[in-house]
Amino acid sequence: MADSNTILFLWQLSFFIFGVTLIVGIFKKSWVFMLISTITFLPIAFYFLLGAKNSFKYIGLTPIILFILTVLFWFLKRKG
């Protein structure tokens, strides 16, 4: 079994990359950064969606919103 510190580090790294790419993606309106943000948030979303037994499970739906923003930015870039 993997060391819990390693798993925690990877989870924190995923959250950090998600946050940075989300901020850059929104300011630049870049669909690529938003897609990276969506993908890096998936482990966190699965943790809350499958593991939480309370209202925190709705955090697991965040990638749907991020993917919608990704598609929206892609259409805006393609149109303009």
Protein backbone atom coordinates (compact mmCIF):
# COMPACT_ATOMS: atom_id res chain seq x y z
CA MET A 1 0.00 0.00 0.00
CA ALA A 2 1.24 3.46 -0.82
CA ASP A 3 2.43 5.71 1.94
CA SER A 4 -0.32 8.05 3.13
CA ASN A 5 2.05 11.03 2.93
CA THR A 6 2.64 10.31 -0.75
CA ILE A 7 -1.08 10.13 -1.46
CA LEU A 8 -1.69 13.34 0.48
CA PHE A 9 1.10 15.07 -1.44
CA LEU A 10 -0.36 13.98 -4.79
CA TRP A 11 -3.84 15.12 -3.71
CA GLN A 12 -2.48 18.54 -2.67
CA LEU A 13 -0.47 18.81 -5.88
CA SER A 14 -3.58 18.04 -7.89
CA PHE A 15 -5.52 20.71 -6.01
CA PHE A 16 -2.72 23.27 -6.51
CA ILE A 17 -2.51 22.60 -10.27
CA PHE A 18 -6.31 22.80 -10.45
CA GLY A 19 -6.33 26.19 -8.74
CA VAL A 20 -3.55 27.70 -10.85
CA THR A 21 -4.94 26.47 -14.16
CA LEU A 22 -8.46 27.56 -13.18
CA ILE A 23 -7.31 31.12 -12.48
CA VAL A 24 -5.20 31.30 -15.64
CA GLY A 25 -7.96 29.70 -17.71
CA ILE A 26 -10.59 32.17 -16.56
CA PHE A 27 -8.41 35.24 -17.02
CA LYS A 28 -7.13 34.18 -20.43
CA LYS A 29 -10.42 32.49 -21.40
CA SER A 30 -8.33 29.55 -22.53
CA TRP A 31 -10.09 26.26 -23.11
CA VAL A 32 -6.80 24.36 -22.80
CA PHE A 33 -6.18 25.60 -19.26
CA MET A 34 -9.79 24.91 -18.34
CA LEU A 35 -9.48 21.35 -19.66
CA ILE A 36 -6.33 20.83 -17.59
CA SER A 37 -8.17 22.24 -14.60
CA THR A 38 -11.07 19.85 -15.16
CA ILE A 39 -8.80 16.82 -15.46
CA THR A 40 -6.71 17.68 -12.41
CA PHE A 41 -9.84 18.17 -10.28
CA LEU A 42 -11.18 14.69 -11.08
CA PRO A 43 -9.33 12.83 -8.26
CA ILE A 44 -10.64 15.34 -5.73
CA ALA A 45 -14.14 15.11 -7.17
CA PHE A 46 -14.13 11.30 -7.03
CA TYR A 47 -12.97 11.43 -3.41
CA PHE A 48 -15.91 13.61 -2.41
CA LEU A 49 -18.46 12.02 -4.74
CA LEU A 50 -17.78 8.44 -3.71
CA GLY A 51 -16.53 8.92 -0.16
CA ALA A 52 -18.64 11.63 1.42
CA LYS A 53 -21.92 10.73 3.06
CA ASN A 54 -23.08 14.31 3.55
CA SER A 55 -23.60 17.41 1.46
CA PHE A 56 -19.87 17.57 0.61
CA LYS A 57 -20.57 14.94 -2.05
CA TYR A 58 -21.84 17.73 -4.31
CA ILE A 59 -18.26 18.95 -4.65
CA GLY A 60 -17.93 15.94 -6.93
CA LEU A 61 -20.14 17.68 -9.49
CA THR A 62 -17.64 20.52 -9.98
CA PRO A 63 -15.95 18.91 -13.03
CA ILE A 64 -19.26 19.14 -14.89
CA ILE A 65 -19.27 22.91 -14.43
CA LEU A 66 -15.60 23.11 -15.38
CA PHE A 67 -16.21 21.05 -18.51
CA ILE A 68 -19.12 23.30 -19.51
CA LEU A 69 -16.81 26.31 -19.15
CA THR A 70 -14.18 24.49 -21.22
CA VAL A 71 -16.63 23.88 -24.05
CA LEU A 72 -17.90 27.46 -23.82
CA PHE A 73 -14.36 28.88 -24.09
CA TRP A 74 -13.64 26.49 -26.98
CA PHE A 75 -16.70 27.73 -28.88
CA LEU A 76 -15.80 31.36 -28.19
CA LYS A 77 -12.25 30.78 -29.46
CA ARG A 78 -13.51 28.92 -32.53
CA LYS A 79 -16.13 31.54 -33.35
CA GLY A 80 -13.89 34.57 -32.92
